[in-house]
PDB file of N, CA and C in Angstrom:
ATOM      1  N   UNK A   1       8.550  61.879 -21.336  1.00  0.00           N
ATOM      2  CA  UNK A   1       9.964  61.596 -21.196  1.00  0.00           C
ATOM      3  C   UNK A   1      10.188  60.102 -21.371  1.00  0.00           C
ATOM      4  N   UNK A   2      11.263  59.763 -22.066  1.00  0.00           N
ATOM      5  CA  UNK A   2      11.628  58.357 -22.180  1.00  0.00           C
ATOM      6  C   UNK A   2      12.964  58.137 -21.471  1.00  0.00           C
ATOM      7  N   UNK A   3      13.145  56.919 -21.003  1.00  0.00           N
ATOM      8  CA  UNK A   3      14.367  56.551 -20.289  1.00  0.00           C
ATOM      9  C   UNK A   3      15.230  55.667 -21.171  1.00  0.00           C
ATOM     10  N   UNK A   4      16.487  56.046 -21.303  1.00  0.00           N
ATOM     11  CA  UNK A   4      17.469  55.277 -22.059  1.00  0.00           C
ATOM     12  C   UNK A   4      18.557  54.868 -21.070  1.00  0.00           C
ATOM     13  N   UNK A   5      18.756  53.561 -20.919  1.00  0.00           N
ATOM     14  CA  UNK A   5      19.740  53.045 -19.971  1.00  0.00           C
ATOM     15  C   UNK A   5      20.841  52.333 -20.742  1.00  0.00           C
ATOM     16  N   UNK A   6      22.065  52.730 -20.486  1.00  0.00           N
ATOM     17  CA  UNK A   6      23.232  52.133 -21.147  1.00  0.00           C
ATOM     18  C   UNK A   6      23.993  51.310 -20.117  1.00  0.00           C
ATOM     19  N   UNK A   7      24.303  50.077 -20.480  1.00  0.00           N
ATOM     20  CA  UNK A   7      25.084  49.238 -19.577  1.00  0.00           C
ATOM     21  C   UNK A   7      26.502  49.794 -19.484  1.00  0.00           C
ATOM     22  N   UNK A   8      26.968  49.980 -18.256  1.00  0.00           N
ATOM     23  CA  UNK A   8      28.331  50.444 -18.019  1.00  0.00           C
ATOM     24  C   UNK A   8      29.119  49.422 -17.208  1.00  0.00           C
ATOM     25  N   UNK A   9      28.597  48.187 -17.177  1.00  0.00           N
ATOM     26  CA  UNK A   9      29.331  47.100 -16.535  1.00  0.00           C
ATOM     27  C   UNK A   9      30.628  46.848 -17.278  1.00  0.00           C
ATOM     28  N   UNK A  10      31.526  46.085 -16.692  1.00  0.00           N
ATOM     29  CA  UNK A  10      32.874  45.946 -17.249  1.00  0.00           C
ATOM     30  C   UNK A  10      32.890  45.436 -18.684  1.00  0.00           C
ATOM     31  N   UNK A  11      32.064  44.474 -19.027  1.00  0.00           N
ATOM     32  CA  UNK A  11      32.065  43.927 -20.383  1.00  0.00           C
ATOM     33  C   UNK A  11      31.639  44.979 -21.407  1.00  0.00           C
ATOM     34  N   UNK A  12      30.585  45.704 -21.107  1.00  0.00           N
ATOM     35  CA  UNK A  12      30.112  46.752 -22.027  1.00  0.00           C
ATOM     36  C   UNK A  12      31.061  47.952 -22.017  1.00  0.00           C
ATOM     37  N   UNK A  13      31.595  48.265 -20.856  1.00  0.00           N
ATOM     38  CA  UNK A  13      32.501  49.406 -20.758  1.00  0.00           C
ATOM     39  C   UNK A  13      33.736  49.214 -21.640  1.00  0.00           C
ATOM     40  N   UNK A  14      34.342  48.021 -21.593  1.00  0.00           N
ATOM     41  CA  UNK A  14      35.540  47.794 -22.404  1.00  0.00           C
ATOM     42  C   UNK A  14      35.208  47.803 -23.897  1.00  0.00           C
ATOM     43  N   UNK A  15      33.958  47.608 -24.235  1.00  0.00           N
ATOM     44  CA  UNK A  15      33.531  47.665 -25.638  1.00  0.00           C
ATOM     45  C   UNK A  15      33.136  49.081 -26.067  1.00  0.00           C
ATOM     46  N   UNK A  16      33.127  50.024 -25.127  1.00  0.00           N
ATOM     47  CA  UNK A  16      32.900  51.414 -25.501  1.00  0.00           C
ATOM     48  C   UNK A  16      31.567  52.011 -25.099  1.00  0.00           C
ATOM     49  N   UNK A  17      30.932  51.475 -24.077  1.00  0.00           N
ATOM     50  CA  UNK A  17      29.636  52.036 -23.675  1.00  0.00           C
ATOM     51  C   UNK A  17      29.755  53.492 -23.227  1.00  0.00           C
ATOM     52  N   UNK A  18      30.913  53.878 -22.700  1.00  0.00           N
ATOM     53  CA  UNK A  18      31.100  55.279 -22.307  1.00  0.00           C
ATOM     54  C   UNK A  18      31.076  56.193 -23.533  1.00  0.00           C
ATOM     55  N   UNK A  19      31.589  55.714 -24.658  1.00  0.00           N
ATOM     56  CA  UNK A  19      31.557  56.510 -25.890  1.00  0.00           C
ATOM     57  C   UNK A  19      30.134  56.621 -26.440  1.00  0.00           C
ATOM     58  N   UNK A  20      29.360  55.544 -26.306  1.00  0.00           N
ATOM     59  CA  UNK A  20      27.960  55.600 -26.731  1.00  0.00           C
ATOM     60  C   UNK A  20      27.215  56.620 -25.875  1.00  0.00           C
ATOM     61  N   UNK A  21      27.435  56.589 -24.574  1.00  0.00           N
ATOM     62  CA  UNK A  21      26.791  57.545 -23.674  1.00  0.00           C
ATOM     63  C   UNK A  21      27.173  58.974 -24.042  1.00  0.00           C
ATOM     64  N   UNK A  22      28.451  59.202 -24.330  1.00  0.00           N
ATOM     65  CA  UNK A  22      28.897  60.547 -24.713  1.00  0.00           C
ATOM     66  C   UNK A  22      28.230  60.990 -26.012  1.00  0.00           C
ATOM     67  N   UNK A  23      28.104  60.078 -26.965  1.00  0.00           N
ATOM     68  CA  UNK A  23      27.422  60.397 -28.226  1.00  0.00           C
ATOM     69  C   UNK A  23      25.977  60.784 -27.962  1.00  0.00           C
ATOM     70  N   UNK A  24      25.290  60.002 -27.138  1.00  0.00           N
ATOM     71  CA  UNK A  24      23.891  60.316 -26.823  1.00  0.00           C
ATOM     72  C   UNK A  24      23.774  61.677 -26.145  1.00  0.00           C
ATOM     73  N   UNK A  25      24.678  61.970 -25.206  1.00  0.00           N
ATOM     74  CA  UNK A  25      24.643  63.263 -24.523  1.00  0.00           C
ATOM     75  C   UNK A  25      24.812  64.408 -25.519  1.00  0.00           C
ATOM     76  N   UNK A  26      25.743  64.256 -26.444  1.00  0.00           N
ATOM     77  CA  UNK A  26      25.967  65.294 -27.459  1.00  0.00           C
ATOM     78  C   UNK A  26      24.729  65.473 -28.343  1.00  0.00           C
ATOM     79  N   UNK A  27      24.115  64.365 -28.743  1.00  0.00           N
ATOM     80  CA  UNK A  27      22.952  64.446 -29.622  1.00  0.00           C
ATOM     81  C   UNK A  27      21.727  65.008 -28.905  1.00  0.00           C
ATOM     82  N   UNK A  28      21.581  64.692 -27.632  1.00  0.00           N
ATOM     83  CA  UNK A  28      20.488  65.267 -26.842  1.00  0.00           C
ATOM     84  C   UNK A  28      20.640  66.781 -26.801  1.00  0.00           C
ATOM     85  N   UNK A  29      21.862  67.260 -26.563  1.00  0.00           N
ATOM     86  CA  UNK A  29      22.116  68.698 -26.559  1.00  0.00           C
ATOM     87  C   UNK A  29      21.894  69.308 -27.941  1.00  0.00           C
ATOM     88  N   UNK A  30      22.460  68.667 -28.957  1.00  0.00           N
ATOM     89  CA  UNK A  30      22.358  69.175 -30.330  1.00  0.00           C
ATOM     90  C   UNK A  30      20.909  69.318 -30.784  1.00  0.00           C
ATOM     91  N   UNK A  31      20.069  68.338 -30.437  1.00  0.00           N
ATOM     92  CA  UNK A  31      18.679  68.320 -30.884  1.00  0.00           C
ATOM     93  C   UNK A  31      17.728  69.027 -29.919  1.00  0.00           C
ATOM     94  N   UNK A  32      18.251  69.552 -28.809  1.00  0.00           N
ATOM     95  CA  UNK A  32      17.412  70.242 -27.838  1.00  0.00           C
ATOM     96  C   UNK A  32      16.417  69.320 -27.154  1.00  0.00           C
ATOM     97  N   UNK A  33      16.859  68.115 -26.819  1.00  0.00           N
ATOM     98  CA  UNK A  33      15.960  67.110 -26.243  1.00  0.00           C
ATOM     99  C   UNK A  33      16.136  66.929 -24.738  1.00  0.00           C
ATOM    100  N   UNK A  34      16.883  67.832 -24.100  1.00  0.00           N
ATOM    101  CA  UNK A  34      17.017  67.762 -22.639  1.00  0.00           C
ATOM    102  C   UNK A  34      15.628  67.890 -22.032  1.00  0.00           C
ATOM    103  N   UNK A  35      15.336  67.067 -21.056  1.00  0.00           N
ATOM    104  CA  UNK A  35      14.017  67.075 -20.442  1.00  0.00           C
ATOM    105  C   UNK A  35      13.051  66.112 -21.109  1.00  0.00           C
ATOM    106  N   UNK A  36      13.439  65.574 -22.281  1.00  0.00           N
ATOM    107  CA  UNK A  36      12.600  64.596 -22.970  1.00  0.00           C
ATOM    108  C   UNK A  36      13.204  63.196 -22.924  1.00  0.00           C
ATOM    109  N   UNK A  37      14.517  63.147 -22.719  1.00  0.00           N
ATOM    110  CA  UNK A  37      15.229  61.876 -22.646  1.00  0.00           C
ATOM    111  C   UNK A  37      16.011  61.845 -21.348  1.00  0.00           C
ATOM    112  N   UNK A  38      15.786  60.818 -20.549  1.00  0.00           N
ATOM    113  CA  UNK A  38      16.560  60.610 -19.323  1.00  0.00           C
ATOM    114  C   UNK A  38      17.602  59.545 -19.629  1.00  0.00           C
ATOM    115  N   UNK A  39      18.861  59.907 -19.567  1.00  0.00           N
ATOM    116  CA  UNK A  39      19.966  59.000 -19.853  1.00  0.00           C
ATOM    117  C   UNK A  39      20.508  58.466 -18.538  1.00  0.00           C
ATOM    118  N   UNK A  40      20.549  57.126 -18.423  1.00  0.00           N
ATOM    119  CA  UNK A  40      20.986  56.487 -17.187  1.00  0.00           C
ATOM    120  C   UNK A  40      22.022  55.407 -17.502  1.00  0.00           C
ATOM    121  N   UNK A  41      22.718  54.977 -16.476  1.00  0.00           N
ATOM    122  CA  UNK A  41      23.650  53.864 -16.592  1.00  0.00           C
ATOM    123  C   UNK A  41      23.219  52.725 -15.697  1.00  0.00           C
ATOM    124  N   UNK A  42      23.579  51.512 -16.065  1.00  0.00           N
ATOM    125  CA  UNK A  42      23.303  50.324 -15.253  1.00  0.00           C
ATOM    126  C   UNK A  42      24.562  49.459 -15.274  1.00  0.00           C
ATOM    127  N   UNK A  43      24.843  48.800 -14.166  1.00  0.00           N
ATOM    128  CA  UNK A  43      26.076  48.028 -14.088  1.00  0.00           C
ATOM    129  C   UNK A  43      26.016  46.676 -14.757  1.00  0.00           C
ATOM    130  N   UNK A  44      24.866  46.107 -14.945  1.00  0.00           N
ATOM    131  CA  UNK A  44      24.777  44.854 -15.691  1.00  0.00           C
ATOM    132  C   UNK A  44      23.346  44.680 -16.177  1.00  0.00           C
ATOM    133  N   UNK A  45      23.234  44.338 -17.453  1.00  0.00           N
ATOM    134  CA  UNK A  45      21.916  44.101 -18.030  1.00  0.00           C
ATOM    135  C   UNK A  45      21.779  42.641 -18.463  1.00  0.00           C
ATOM    136  N   UNK A  46      22.746  41.815 -18.002  1.00  0.00           N
ATOM    137  CA  UNK A  46      22.726  40.368 -18.173  1.00  0.00           C
ATOM    138  C   UNK A  46      22.813  39.891 -19.617  1.00  0.00           C
ATOM    139  N   UNK A  47      23.470  40.664 -20.464  1.00  0.00           N
ATOM    140  CA  UNK A  47      23.719  40.264 -21.855  1.00  0.00           C
ATOM    141  C   UNK A  47      25.194  40.483 -22.175  1.00  0.00           C
ATOM    142  N   UNK A  48      26.050  40.159 -21.229  1.00  0.00           N
ATOM    143  CA  UNK A  48      27.469  40.504 -21.301  1.00  0.00           C
ATOM    144  C   UNK A  48      28.173  39.991 -22.551  1.00  0.00           C
ATOM    145  N   UNK A  49      27.814  38.832 -23.029  1.00  0.00           N
ATOM    146  CA  UNK A  49      28.521  38.256 -24.173  1.00  0.00           C
ATOM    147  C   UNK A  49      28.055  38.834 -25.511  1.00  0.00           C
ATOM    148  N   UNK A  50      27.029  39.675 -25.492  1.00  0.00           N
ATOM    149  CA  UNK A  50      26.446  40.180 -26.739  1.00  0.00           C
ATOM    150  C   UNK A  50      26.918  41.572 -27.116  1.00  0.00           C
ATOM    151  N   UNK A  51      27.770  42.173 -26.327  1.00  0.00           N
ATOM    152  CA  UNK A  51      28.231  43.526 -26.631  1.00  0.00           C
ATOM    153  C   UNK A  51      27.471  44.549 -25.827  1.00  0.00           C
ATOM    154  N   UNK A  52      27.592  45.801 -26.221  1.00  0.00           N
ATOM    155  CA  UNK A  52      26.971  46.894 -25.465  1.00  0.00           C
ATOM    156  C   UNK A  52      25.456  46.743 -25.496  1.00  0.00           C
ATOM    157  N   UNK A  53      24.862  46.805 -24.311  1.00  0.00           N
ATOM    158  CA  UNK A  53      23.410  46.698 -24.177  1.00  0.00           C
ATOM    159  C   UNK A  53      22.820  48.059 -23.845  1.00  0.00           C
ATOM    160  N   UNK A  54      21.702  48.356 -24.477  1.00  0.00           N
ATOM    161  CA  UNK A  54      20.992  49.604 -24.248  1.00  0.00           C
ATOM    162  C   UNK A  54      19.514  49.277 -24.100  1.00  0.00           C
ATOM    163  N   UNK A  55      18.911  49.805 -23.037  1.00  0.00           N
ATOM    164  CA  UNK A  55      17.468  49.641 -22.843  1.00  0.00           C
ATOM    165  C   UNK A  55      16.801  50.979 -23.125  1.00  0.00           C
ATOM    166  N   UNK A  56      15.843  50.961 -24.030  1.00  0.00           N
ATOM    167  CA  UNK A  56      15.039  52.138 -24.332  1.00  0.00           C
ATOM    168  C   UNK A  56      13.634  51.807 -23.846  1.00  0.00           C
ATOM    169  N   UNK A  57      13.253  52.464 -22.738  1.00  0.00           N
ATOM    170  CA  UNK A  57      12.018  52.120 -22.044  1.00  0.00           C
ATOM    171  C   UNK A  57      12.094  50.646 -21.656  1.00  0.00           C
ATOM    172  N   UNK A  58      11.257  49.775 -22.230  1.00  0.00           N
ATOM    173  CA  UNK A  58      11.244  48.360 -21.845  1.00  0.00           C
ATOM    174  C   UNK A  58      11.930  47.444 -22.855  1.00  0.00           C
ATOM    175  N   UNK A  59      12.445  47.998 -23.940  1.00  0.00           N
ATOM    176  CA  UNK A  59      13.069  47.179 -24.972  1.00  0.00           C
ATOM    177  C   UNK A  59      14.586  47.221 -24.844  1.00  0.00           C
ATOM    178  N   UNK A  60      15.219  46.035 -24.856  1.00  0.00           N
ATOM    179  CA  UNK A  60      16.669  45.933 -24.734  1.00  0.00           C
ATOM    180  C   UNK A  60      17.274  45.634 -26.105  1.00  0.00           C
ATOM    181  N   UNK A  61      18.302  46.391 -26.443  1.00  0.00           N
ATOM    182  CA  UNK A  61      19.048  46.202 -27.679  1.00  0.00           C
ATOM    183  C   UNK A  61      20.455  45.776 -27.286  1.00  0.00           C
ATOM    184  N   UNK A  62      21.001  44.766 -27.956  1.00  0.00           N
ATOM    185  CA  UNK A  62      22.328  44.260 -27.626  1.00  0.00           C
ATOM    186  C   UNK A  62      23.226  44.313 -28.852  1.00  0.00           C
ATOM    187  N   UNK A  63      24.511  44.388 -28.599  1.00  0.00           N
ATOM    188  CA  UNK A  63      25.483  44.350 -29.669  1.00  0.00           C
ATOM    189  C   UNK A  63      25.726  45.688 -30.335  1.00  0.00           C
ATOM    190  N   UNK A  64      25.342  46.766 -29.679  1.00  0.00           N
ATOM    191  CA  UNK A  64      25.564  48.101 -30.233  1.00  0.00           C
ATOM    192  C   UNK A  64      27.058  48.408 -30.169  1.00  0.00           C
ATOM    193  N   UNK A  65      27.578  48.994 -31.212  1.00  0.00           N
ATOM    194  CA  UNK A  65      28.983  49.400 -31.273  1.00  0.00           C
ATOM    195  C   UNK A  65      29.067  50.920 -31.117  1.00  0.00           C
ATOM    196  N   UNK A  66      30.173  51.443 -30.592  1.00  0.00           N
ATOM    197  CA  UNK A  66      30.296  52.899 -30.457  1.00  0.00           C
ATOM    198  C   UNK A  66      30.051  53.645 -31.769  1.00  0.00           C
ATOM    199  N   UNK A  67      30.502  53.082 -32.878  1.00  0.00           N
ATOM    200  CA  UNK A  67      30.316  53.731 -34.181  1.00  0.00           C
ATOM    201  C   UNK A  67      28.849  53.786 -34.594  1.00  0.00           C
ATOM    202  N   UNK A  68      28.020  52.951 -33.973  1.00  0.00           N
ATOM    203  CA  UNK A  68      26.592  52.902 -34.299  1.00  0.00           C
ATOM    204  C   UNK A  68      25.755  53.842 -33.431  1.00  0.00           C
ATOM    205  N   UNK A  69      26.384  54.533 -32.489  1.00  0.00           N
ATOM    206  CA  UNK A  69      25.645  55.340 -31.519  1.00  0.00           C
ATOM    207  C   UNK A  69      24.732  56.375 -32.146  1.00  0.00           C
ATOM    208  N   UNK A  70      25.235  57.142 -33.099  1.00  0.00           N
ATOM    209  CA  UNK A  70      24.417  58.191 -33.706  1.00  0.00           C
ATOM    210  C   UNK A  70      23.254  57.598 -34.497  1.00  0.00           C
ATOM    211  N   UNK A  71      23.508  56.573 -35.292  1.00  0.00           N
ATOM    212  CA  UNK A  71      22.432  55.935 -36.060  1.00  0.00           C
ATOM    213  C   UNK A  71      21.388  55.334 -35.126  1.00  0.00           C
ATOM    214  N   UNK A  72      21.837  54.691 -34.046  1.00  0.00           N
ATOM    215  CA  UNK A  72      20.900  54.115 -33.080  1.00  0.00           C
ATOM    216  C   UNK A  72      20.022  55.207 -32.479  1.00  0.00           C
ATOM    217  N   UNK A  73      20.629  56.314 -32.124  1.00  0.00           N
ATOM    218  CA  UNK A  73      19.890  57.422 -31.524  1.00  0.00           C
ATOM    219  C   UNK A  73      18.763  57.885 -32.453  1.00  0.00           C
ATOM    220  N   UNK A  74      19.099  58.109 -33.724  1.00  0.00           N
ATOM    221  CA  UNK A  74      18.103  58.620 -34.667  1.00  0.00           C
ATOM    222  C   UNK A  74      17.113  57.554 -35.141  1.00  0.00           C
ATOM    223  N   UNK A  75      17.522  56.289 -35.165  1.00  0.00           N
ATOM    224  CA  UNK A  75      16.634  55.229 -35.647  1.00  0.00           C
ATOM    225  C   UNK A  75      15.750  54.618 -34.568  1.00  0.00           C
ATOM    226  N   UNK A  76      16.193  54.636 -33.322  1.00  0.00           N
ATOM    227  CA  UNK A  76      15.437  53.971 -32.248  1.00  0.00           C
ATOM    228  C   UNK A  76      14.878  54.932 -31.205  1.00  0.00           C
ATOM    229  N   UNK A  77      15.649  55.924 -30.813  1.00  0.00           N
ATOM    230  CA  UNK A  77      15.240  56.800 -29.717  1.00  0.00           C
ATOM    231  C   UNK A  77      14.346  57.927 -30.206  1.00  0.00           C
ATOM    232  N   UNK A  78      14.777  58.660 -31.228  1.00  0.00           N
ATOM    233  CA  UNK A  78      13.996  59.799 -31.718  1.00  0.00           C
ATOM    234  C   UNK A  78      12.592  59.387 -32.178  1.00  0.00           C
ATOM    235  N   UNK A  79      12.433  58.291 -32.943  1.00  0.00           N
ATOM    236  CA  UNK A  79      11.072  57.908 -33.328  1.00  0.00           C
ATOM    237  C   UNK A  79      10.176  57.574 -32.136  1.00  0.00           C
ATOM    238  N   UNK A  80      10.753  57.026 -31.082  1.00  0.00           N
ATOM    239  CA  UNK A  80       9.969  56.724 -29.881  1.00  0.00           C
ATOM    240  C   UNK A  80       9.470  58.007 -29.218  1.00  0.00           C
ATOM    241  N   UNK A  81      10.269  59.058 -29.267  1.00  0.00           N
ATOM    242  CA  UNK A  81       9.836  60.349 -28.733  1.00  0.00           C
ATOM    243  C   UNK A  81       8.570  60.827 -29.426  1.00  0.00           C
ATOM    244  N   UNK A  82       8.518  60.657 -30.736  1.00  0.00           N
ATOM    245  CA  UNK A  82       7.350  61.083 -31.500  1.00  0.00           C
ATOM    246  C   UNK A  82       6.116  60.284 -31.071  1.00  0.00           C
ATOM    247  N   UNK A  83       6.288  58.983 -30.818  1.00  0.00           N
ATOM    248  CA  UNK A  83       5.166  58.138 -30.393  1.00  0.00           C
ATOM    249  C   UNK A  83       4.672  58.563 -29.005  1.00  0.00           C
ATOM    250  N   UNK A  84       5.613  58.864 -28.113  1.00  0.00           N
ATOM    251  CA  UNK A  84       5.257  59.251 -26.749  1.00  0.00           C
ATOM    252  C   UNK A  84       4.513  60.592 -26.755  1.00  0.00           C
ATOM    253  N   UNK A  85       4.924  61.494 -27.638  1.00  0.00           N
ATOM    254  CA  UNK A  85       4.318  62.824 -27.714  1.00  0.00           C
ATOM    255  C   UNK A  85       2.918  62.791 -28.308  1.00  0.00           C
ATOM    256  N   UNK A  86       2.639  61.759 -29.117  1.00  0.00           N
ATOM    257  CA  UNK A  86       1.337  61.691 -29.811  1.00  0.00           C
ATOM    258  C   UNK A  86       0.205  61.306 -28.886  1.00  0.00           C
TER     259      UNK A  86
END
């Protein structure tokens, strides 16, 4: 299982972190990945001026836009699942 944490602090929230979370939830369901990805929220990841912050395991990504949620999921999260499973 991998942990994906999305910042839901005020700066990220106003930029659409709730929409990114909703996209991830939909994609987890669509791909049948429940139980393999733990989706969490955090109130501040200390990168407020950089846009929406997402931590995948120990790596932090900043500046994610809601429109980028699906691409981020398939480009960053899904490949990590394959590495963890190997």
